[in-house]
Amino acid sequence: MDSRRAESFSDGVFAVAITVLIFNLLPIGRAHLSYRVLGEAWPQYAAYAVSFLTIGIMWMNHHTLFGHVRLIDRPLLVLNLLLLMGIVAIPFPTALIAEHLTGPDRAGGAAAAVIYGAVMIVISLCYNAIWEYLVRHAEALGSSSTRRMLRDAIPGFGRGPALSRIPRWALGLIGYLAGVLLAAFVSAAASLAVYGAMAVWYLFDHLPQPAGPDAPGDRDQAGGLTGPPG
């Protein structure tokens, strides 16, 4: 399958997931509207902002991943479907956190934040699995880069031989695990702050960009190709 078809389908799923987030804000002020009501809804705003940034950045990184290849085989399609299953689940724990972070139902805040972190951990594992598969089958999937080139282009934690082999983006998985532990033993608000920090962390480039204008997934006018945003 052409990688553009998989990207187009995935774009639709990302768009739906990120749009559904706004539904959690619609009930605010419906019964009674005042500045106090708007101010007391800060958990909804916070959960919305964290999840919106998270899904948006995941969409950007998804384009970067698939920009390295021209073809998608069945195992990669399955991995991508598992990733998308996690993406569309994000609005559910987002709504739970918004509802239970404060107020009379705050006792459920810890469970809500743990569920949120669990979804993020699954998504992180799926992203790592997709990248590992892309690297291992780079040539077969029509990448203009070899397996070694892709591995060497991954930013590591340090310059030492051990640290350089650990991808810098792996910090996200550690962060989400920390968020789960904070939710379980400290507070849901602290956990949400960590999840927000992870969204900011992923704003930076931790993946090698497709090389040059002729990279897989890019299209010029002559060839009919369109490049995905990084």
C-alpha atoms as a PDB file:
ATOM      1  CA  MET A   1       0.000   0.000   0.000  1.00  0.00           C
ATOM      2  CA  ASP A   2       1.175   3.520  -0.742  1.00  0.00           C
ATOM      3  CA  SER A   3       2.157   5.292   2.472  1.00  0.00           C
ATOM      4  CA  ARG A   4       0.008   8.285   1.464  1.00  0.00           C
ATOM      5  CA  ARG A   5      -3.165   6.205   1.845  1.00  0.00           C
ATOM      6  CA  ALA A   6      -2.201   5.176   5.360  1.00  0.00           C
ATOM      7  CA  GLU A   7      -1.351   8.785   6.213  1.00  0.00           C
ATOM      8  CA  SER A   8      -4.661  10.065   4.844  1.00  0.00           C
ATOM      9  CA  PHE A   9      -6.626   7.567   6.903  1.00  0.00           C
ATOM     10  CA  SER A  10      -4.568   8.353   9.988  1.00  0.00           C
ATOM     11  CA  ASP A  11      -5.051  12.107   9.462  1.00  0.00           C
ATOM     12  CA  GLY A  12      -8.815  11.572   9.599  1.00  0.00           C
ATOM     13  CA  VAL A  13      -8.545   9.649  12.859  1.00  0.00           C
ATOM     14  CA  PHE A  14      -6.321  12.322  14.423  1.00  0.00           C
ATOM     15  CA  ALA A  15      -8.752  15.024  13.292  1.00  0.00           C
ATOM     16  CA  VAL A  16     -11.729  13.267  14.874  1.00  0.00           C
ATOM     17  CA  ALA A  17      -9.905  12.595  18.144  1.00  0.00           C
ATOM     18  CA  ILE A  18      -8.699  16.181  18.525  1.00  0.00           C
ATOM     19  CA  THR A  19     -12.131  17.599  17.662  1.00  0.00           C
ATOM     20  CA  VAL A  20     -13.998  15.429  20.168  1.00  0.00           C
ATOM     21  CA  LEU A  21     -11.991  17.062  22.975  1.00  0.00           C
ATOM     22  CA  ILE A  22     -14.055  20.258  22.697  1.00  0.00           C
ATOM     23  CA  PHE A  23     -17.207  18.376  23.703  1.00  0.00           C
ATOM     24  CA  ASN A  24     -15.978  18.378  27.319  1.00  0.00           C
ATOM     25  CA  LEU A  25     -16.151  22.197  27.340  1.00  0.00           C
ATOM     26  CA  LEU A  26     -19.650  22.570  25.892  1.00  0.00           C
ATOM     27  CA  PRO A  27     -21.590  22.056  29.164  1.00  0.00           C
ATOM     28  CA  ILE A  28     -19.695  24.895  30.911  1.00  0.00           C
ATOM     29  CA  GLY A  29     -22.089  27.742  31.733  1.00  0.00           C
ATOM     30  CA  ARG A  30     -25.079  26.019  30.192  1.00  0.00           C
ATOM     31  CA  ALA A  31     -27.160  26.076  33.379  1.00  0.00           C
ATOM     32  CA  HIS A  32     -25.767  29.328  34.769  1.00  0.00           C
ATOM     33  CA  LEU A  33     -23.080  31.545  33.292  1.00  0.00           C
ATOM     34  CA  SER A  34     -20.856  33.829  35.355  1.00  0.00           C
ATOM     35  CA  TYR A  35     -17.196  34.644  35.681  1.00  0.00           C
ATOM     36  CA  ARG A  36     -17.046  32.426  38.730  1.00  0.00           C
ATOM     37  CA  VAL A  37     -18.517  29.483  36.797  1.00  0.00           C
ATOM     38  CA  LEU A  38     -16.007  30.041  34.006  1.00  0.00           C
ATOM     39  CA  GLY A  39     -13.137  30.259  36.484  1.00  0.00           C
ATOM     40  CA  GLU A  40     -14.144  27.106  38.348  1.00  0.00           C
ATOM     41  CA  ALA A  41     -13.999  25.161  35.090  1.00  0.00           C
ATOM     42  CA  TRP A  42     -10.180  25.382  34.977  1.00  0.00           C
ATOM     43  CA  PRO A  43      -9.771  21.568  35.208  1.00  0.00           C
ATOM     44  CA  GLN A  44     -11.685  21.237  31.935  1.00  0.00           C
ATOM     45  CA  TYR A  45      -9.480  23.874  30.294  1.00  0.00           C
ATOM     46  CA  ALA A  46      -6.294  22.258  31.592  1.00  0.00           C
ATOM     47  CA  ALA A  47      -7.273  18.768  30.472  1.00  0.00           C
ATOM     48  CA  TYR A  48      -8.337  20.113  27.077  1.00  0.00           C
ATOM     49  CA  ALA A  49      -5.072  22.008  26.551  1.00  0.00           C
ATOM     50  CA  VAL A  50      -2.856  19.072  27.552  1.00  0.00           C
ATOM     51  CA  SER A  51      -4.726  16.592  25.359  1.00  0.00           C
ATOM     52  CA  PHE A  52      -5.000  18.959  22.402  1.00  0.00           C
ATOM     53  CA  LEU A  53      -1.258  19.600  22.430  1.00  0.00           C
ATOM     54  CA  THR A  54      -0.544  15.904  22.927  1.00  0.00           C
ATOM     55  CA  ILE A  55      -2.670  14.749  19.992  1.00  0.00           C
ATOM     56  CA  GLY A  56      -1.422  17.564  17.770  1.00  0.00           C
ATOM     57  CA  ILE A  57       2.224  16.756  18.450  1.00  0.00           C
ATOM     58  CA  MET A  58       1.539  13.044  17.954  1.00  0.00           C
ATOM     59  CA  TRP A  59       0.091  13.913  14.543  1.00  0.00           C
ATOM     60  CA  MET A  60       3.246  15.861  13.660  1.00  0.00           C
ATOM     61  CA  ASN A  61       5.504  12.990  14.721  1.00  0.00           C
ATOM     62  CA  HIS A  62       3.322  10.502  12.867  1.00  0.00           C
ATOM     63  CA  HIS A  63       3.946  12.406   9.641  1.00  0.00           C
ATOM     64  CA  THR A  64       7.658  12.417  10.358  1.00  0.00           C
ATOM     65  CA  LEU A  65       7.665   8.643  10.858  1.00  0.00           C
ATOM     66  CA  PHE A  66       5.761   7.814   7.697  1.00  0.00           C
ATOM     67  CA  GLY A  67       7.640  10.440   5.708  1.00  0.00           C
ATOM     68  CA  HIS A  68      10.609   8.050   5.663  1.00  0.00           C
ATOM     69  CA  VAL A  69       8.863   5.374   3.584  1.00  0.00           C
ATOM     70  CA  ARG A  70       6.876   5.028   0.379  1.00  0.00           C
ATOM     71  CA  LEU A  71       5.177   1.715   1.088  1.00  0.00           C
ATOM     72  CA  ILE A  72       3.222   0.256   4.014  1.00  0.00           C
ATOM     73  CA  ASP A  73       2.989  -3.513   4.488  1.00  0.00           C
ATOM     74  CA  ARG A  74       0.444  -5.447   6.555  1.00  0.00           C
ATOM     75  CA  PRO A  75       2.417  -5.671   9.831  1.00  0.00           C
ATOM     76  CA  LEU A  76       2.995  -1.915   9.741  1.00  0.00           C
ATOM     77  CA  LEU A  77      -0.704  -1.345   9.072  1.00  0.00           C
ATOM     78  CA  VAL A  78      -1.549  -3.405  12.144  1.00  0.00           C
ATOM     79  CA  LEU A  79       0.896  -1.416  14.283  1.00  0.00           C
ATOM     80  CA  ASN A  80      -0.583   1.819  12.947  1.00  0.00           C
ATOM     81  CA  LEU A  81      -4.121   0.660  13.766  1.00  0.00           C
ATOM     82  CA  LEU A  82      -3.069  -0.131  17.331  1.00  0.00           C
ATOM     83  CA  LEU A  83      -1.571   3.353  17.591  1.00  0.00           C
ATOM     84  CA  LEU A  84      -4.755   4.964  16.281  1.00  0.00           C
ATOM     85  CA  MET A  85      -6.827   2.931  18.735  1.00  0.00           C
ATOM     86  CA  GLY A  86      -4.871   4.637  21.508  1.00  0.00           C
ATOM     87  CA  ILE A  87      -5.209   8.068  19.896  1.00  0.00           C
ATOM     88  CA  VAL A  88      -9.012   7.936  19.703  1.00  0.00           C
ATOM     89  CA  ALA A  89      -9.138   6.804  23.338  1.00  0.00           C
ATOM     90  CA  ILE A  90      -7.517  10.016  24.625  1.00  0.00           C
ATOM     91  CA  PRO A  91     -10.792  12.001  24.946  1.00  0.00           C
ATOM     92  CA  PHE A  92     -12.101   9.404  27.427  1.00  0.00           C
ATOM     93  CA  PRO A  93      -9.456   9.867  30.175  1.00  0.00           C
ATOM     94  CA  THR A  94      -9.410  13.584  29.348  1.00  0.00           C
ATOM     95  CA  ALA A  95     -13.083  13.802  30.321  1.00  0.00           C
ATOM     96  CA  LEU A  96     -12.444  11.726  33.452  1.00  0.00           C
ATOM     97  CA  ILE A  97      -9.651  14.018  34.634  1.00  0.00           C
ATOM     98  CA  ALA A  98     -11.686  17.152  33.916  1.00  0.00           C
ATOM     99  CA  GLU A  99     -14.600  15.786  35.961  1.00  0.00           C
ATOM    100  CA  HIS A 100     -12.671  14.376  38.914  1.00  0.00           C
ATOM    101  CA  LEU A 101      -9.683  16.695  39.322  1.00  0.00           C
ATOM    102  CA  THR A 102     -11.537  18.976  41.797  1.00  0.00           C
ATOM    103  CA  GLY A 103     -14.933  19.282  43.436  1.00  0.00           C
ATOM    104  CA  PRO A 104     -17.090  16.682  45.156  1.00  0.00           C
ATOM    105  CA  ASP A 105     -15.894  13.900  42.841  1.00  0.00           C
ATOM    106  CA  ARG A 106     -12.174  14.539  43.354  1.00  0.00           C
ATOM    107  CA  ALA A 107     -11.763  11.146  45.026  1.00  0.00           C
ATOM    108  CA  GLY A 108     -11.751   9.657  41.543  1.00  0.00           C
ATOM    109  CA  GLY A 109      -9.021  11.993  40.312  1.00  0.00           C
ATOM    110  CA  ALA A 110      -6.204   9.547  40.992  1.00  0.00           C
ATOM    111  CA  ALA A 111      -7.877   6.765  39.019  1.00  0.00           C
ATOM    112  CA  ALA A 112      -8.624   9.169  36.158  1.00  0.00           C
ATOM    113  CA  ALA A 113      -4.993  10.313  35.968  1.00  0.00           C
ATOM    114  CA  VAL A 114      -3.750   6.716  36.106  1.00  0.00           C
ATOM    115  CA  ILE A 115      -6.021   5.792  33.185  1.00  0.00           C
ATOM    116  CA  TYR A 116      -4.755   8.810  31.253  1.00  0.00           C
ATOM    117  CA  GLY A 117      -1.151   7.781  31.846  1.00  0.00           C
ATOM    118  CA  ALA A 118      -1.880   4.180  30.897  1.00  0.00           C
ATOM    119  CA  VAL A 119      -3.283   5.301  27.540  1.00  0.00           C
ATOM    120  CA  MET A 120      -0.188   7.447  26.944  1.00  0.00           C
ATOM    121  CA  ILE A 121       2.119   4.548  27.789  1.00  0.00           C
ATOM    122  CA  VAL A 122       0.354   2.303  25.276  1.00  0.00           C
ATOM    123  CA  ILE A 123       0.615   5.017  22.618  1.00  0.00           C
ATOM    124  CA  SER A 124       4.332   5.497  23.369  1.00  0.00           C
ATOM    125  CA  LEU A 125       4.955   1.773  23.018  1.00  0.00           C
ATOM    126  CA  CYS A 126       3.125   1.772  19.679  1.00  0.00           C
ATOM    127  CA  TYR A 127       5.219   4.690  18.411  1.00  0.00           C
ATOM    128  CA  ASN A 128       8.415   2.896  19.414  1.00  0.00           C
ATOM    129  CA  ALA A 129       7.229  -0.313  17.742  1.00  0.00           C
ATOM    130  CA  ILE A 130       6.407   1.545  14.508  1.00  0.00           C
ATOM    131  CA  TRP A 131       9.793   3.272  14.452  1.00  0.00           C
ATOM    132  CA  GLU A 132      11.645   0.026  15.137  1.00  0.00           C
ATOM    133  CA  TYR A 133       9.731  -1.699  12.343  1.00  0.00           C
ATOM    134  CA  LEU A 134      10.407   1.161   9.926  1.00  0.00           C
ATOM    135  CA  VAL A 135      14.117   1.010  10.685  1.00  0.00           C
ATOM    136  CA  ARG A 136      14.382  -2.763  10.382  1.00  0.00           C
ATOM    137  CA  HIS A 137      12.519  -2.817   7.041  1.00  0.00           C
ATOM    138  CA  ALA A 138      13.637   0.547   5.655  1.00  0.00           C
ATOM    139  CA  GLU A 139      14.795  -0.714   2.269  1.00  0.00           C
ATOM    140  CA  ALA A 140      11.767  -2.982   1.735  1.00  0.00           C
ATOM    141  CA  LEU A 141       9.417  -0.094   2.536  1.00  0.00           C
ATOM    142  CA  GLY A 142      11.050   2.161  -0.040  1.00  0.00           C
ATOM    143  CA  SER A 143      13.006   4.410   2.284  1.00  0.00           C
ATOM    144  CA  SER A 144      15.747   6.525   0.763  1.00  0.00           C
ATOM    145  CA  SER A 145      17.754   5.923   3.951  1.00  0.00           C
ATOM    146  CA  THR A 146      19.340   2.668   5.020  1.00  0.00           C
ATOM    147  CA  ARG A 147      18.773   1.028   8.393  1.00  0.00           C
ATOM    148  CA  ARG A 148      22.135   2.248   9.649  1.00  0.00           C
ATOM    149  CA  MET A 149      21.493   5.802   8.469  1.00  0.00           C
ATOM    150  CA  LEU A 150      18.198   5.938  10.340  1.00  0.00           C
ATOM    151  CA  ARG A 151      19.664   4.511  13.528  1.00  0.00           C
ATOM    152  CA  ASP A 152      22.625   6.884  13.414  1.00  0.00           C
ATOM    153  CA  ALA A 153      20.272   9.855  12.930  1.00  0.00           C
ATOM    154  CA  ILE A 154      18.346   9.215  16.149  1.00  0.00           C
ATOM    155  CA  PRO A 155      19.320  11.732  18.859  1.00  0.00           C
ATOM    156  CA  GLY A 156      20.475   9.899  21.983  1.00  0.00           C
ATOM    157  CA  PHE A 157      20.684  10.848  25.648  1.00  0.00           C
ATOM    158  CA  GLY A 158      24.431  11.414  25.532  1.00  0.00           C
ATOM    159  CA  ARG A 159      27.689  10.897  23.707  1.00  0.00           C
ATOM    160  CA  GLY A 160      28.733   7.705  25.462  1.00  0.00           C
ATOM    161  CA  PRO A 161      28.257   4.368  23.692  1.00  0.00           C
ATOM    162  CA  ALA A 162      25.538   3.282  26.122  1.00  0.00           C
ATOM    163  CA  LEU A 163      23.575   6.554  26.322  1.00  0.00           C
ATOM    164  CA  SER A 164      23.788   7.235  22.592  1.00  0.00           C
ATOM    165  CA  ARG A 165      21.886   4.007  21.891  1.00  0.00           C
ATOM    166  CA  ILE A 166      18.898   5.143  23.968  1.00  0.00           C
ATOM    167  CA  PRO A 167      16.583   7.344  21.835  1.00  0.00           C
ATOM    168  CA  ARG A 168      15.939  10.743  23.361  1.00  0.00           C
ATOM    169  CA  TRP A 169      12.210  10.354  22.813  1.00  0.00           C
ATOM    170  CA  ALA A 170      12.240   7.429  25.279  1.00  0.00           C
ATOM    171  CA  LEU A 171      12.079  10.053  28.037  1.00  0.00           C
ATOM    172  CA  GLY A 172       8.376  10.366  27.237  1.00  0.00           C
ATOM    173  CA  LEU A 173       7.722   6.788  28.307  1.00  0.00           C
ATOM    174  CA  ILE A 174       9.601   7.442  31.552  1.00  0.00           C
ATOM    175  CA  GLY A 175       7.598  10.639  32.056  1.00  0.00           C
ATOM    176  CA  TYR A 176       4.263   8.904  31.595  1.00  0.00           C
ATOM    177  CA  LEU A 177       5.295   6.198  34.061  1.00  0.00           C
ATOM    178  CA  ALA A 178       6.219   8.948  36.525  1.00  0.00           C
ATOM    179  CA  GLY A 179       2.828  10.566  35.938  1.00  0.00           C
ATOM    180  CA  VAL A 180       1.049   7.319  36.768  1.00  0.00           C
ATOM    181  CA  LEU A 181       3.038   6.967  40.005  1.00  0.00           C
ATOM    182  CA  LEU A 182       2.330  10.584  40.948  1.00  0.00           C
ATOM    183  CA  ALA A 183      -1.381  10.043  40.348  1.00  0.00           C
ATOM    184  CA  ALA A 184      -1.421   6.920  42.488  1.00  0.00           C
ATOM    185  CA  PHE A 185       0.629   8.232  45.411  1.00  0.00           C
ATOM    186  CA  VAL A 186       0.690  12.062  45.292  1.00  0.00           C
ATOM    187  CA  SER A 187      -2.049  13.918  43.395  1.00  0.00           C
ATOM    188  CA  ALA A 188      -3.884  13.931  40.099  1.00  0.00           C
ATOM    189  CA  ALA A 189      -2.994  17.597  39.525  1.00  0.00           C
ATOM    190  CA  ALA A 190       0.733  16.847  39.757  1.00  0.00           C
ATOM    191  CA  SER A 191       0.255  13.972  37.352  1.00  0.00           C
ATOM    192  CA  LEU A 192      -1.549  16.210  34.835  1.00  0.00           C
ATOM    193  CA  ALA A 193       1.321  18.702  35.087  1.00  0.00           C
ATOM    194  CA  VAL A 194       3.773  15.935  34.132  1.00  0.00           C
ATOM    195  CA  TYR A 195       1.614  14.929  31.161  1.00  0.00           C
ATOM    196  CA  GLY A 196       1.612  18.552  30.046  1.00  0.00           C
ATOM    197  CA  ALA A 197       5.397  18.683  30.395  1.00  0.00           C
ATOM    198  CA  MET A 198       5.653  15.618  28.155  1.00  0.00           C
ATOM    199  CA  ALA A 199       3.609  17.421  25.503  1.00  0.00           C
ATOM    200  CA  VAL A 200       6.068  20.315  25.636  1.00  0.00           C
ATOM    201  CA  TRP A 201       9.003  17.869  25.468  1.00  0.00           C
ATOM    202  CA  TYR A 202       7.664  16.344  22.260  1.00  0.00           C
ATOM    203  CA  LEU A 203       7.383  19.772  20.656  1.00  0.00           C
ATOM    204  CA  PHE A 204      11.096  19.445  19.959  1.00  0.00           C
ATOM    205  CA  ASP A 205      12.444  17.250  17.178  1.00  0.00           C
ATOM    206  CA  HIS A 206      13.471  13.861  18.522  1.00  0.00           C
ATOM    207  CA  LEU A 207      13.103  12.004  15.223  1.00  0.00           C
ATOM    208  CA  PRO A 208      15.300  12.265  12.136  1.00  0.00           C
ATOM    209  CA  GLN A 209      13.580  14.211   9.390  1.00  0.00           C
ATOM    210  CA  PRO A 210      13.118  12.694   5.929  1.00  0.00           C
ATOM    211  CA  ALA A 211      16.210  13.688   3.953  1.00  0.00           C
ATOM    212  CA  GLY A 212      15.770  16.354   1.306  1.00  0.00           C
ATOM    213  CA  PRO A 213      12.961  17.215  -1.113  1.00  0.00           C
ATOM    214  CA  ASP A 214      13.055  13.746  -2.648  1.00  0.00           C
ATOM    215  CA  ALA A 215      12.378  11.976   0.642  1.00  0.00           C
ATOM    216  CA  PRO A 216       9.639   9.338   0.738  1.00  0.00           C
ATOM    217  CA  GLY A 217       6.228  10.918   1.046  1.00  0.00           C
ATOM    218  CA  ASP A 218       7.356  14.204  -0.507  1.00  0.00           C
ATOM    219  CA  ARG A 219       5.910  15.189  -3.826  1.00  0.00           C
ATOM    220  CA  ASP A 220       6.836  18.005  -6.158  1.00  0.00           C
ATOM    221  CA  GLN A 221       4.656  19.298  -8.943  1.00  0.00           C
ATOM    222  CA  ALA A 222       6.366  17.217 -11.563  1.00  0.00           C
ATOM    223  CA  GLY A 223       5.963  13.978  -9.634  1.00  0.00           C
ATOM    224  CA  GLY A 224       2.656  14.797  -7.984  1.00  0.00           C
ATOM    225  CA  LEU A 225       4.114  14.373  -4.490  1.00  0.00           C
ATOM    226  CA  THR A 226       3.274  16.445  -1.402  1.00  0.00           C
ATOM    227  CA  GLY A 227       5.531  16.527   1.645  1.00  0.00           C
ATOM    228  CA  PRO A 228       4.087  15.881   5.080  1.00  0.00           C
ATOM    229  CA  PRO A 229       4.660  18.538   7.708  1.00  0.00           C
ATOM    230  CA  GLY A 230       7.400  17.601  10.131  1.00  0.00           C
END
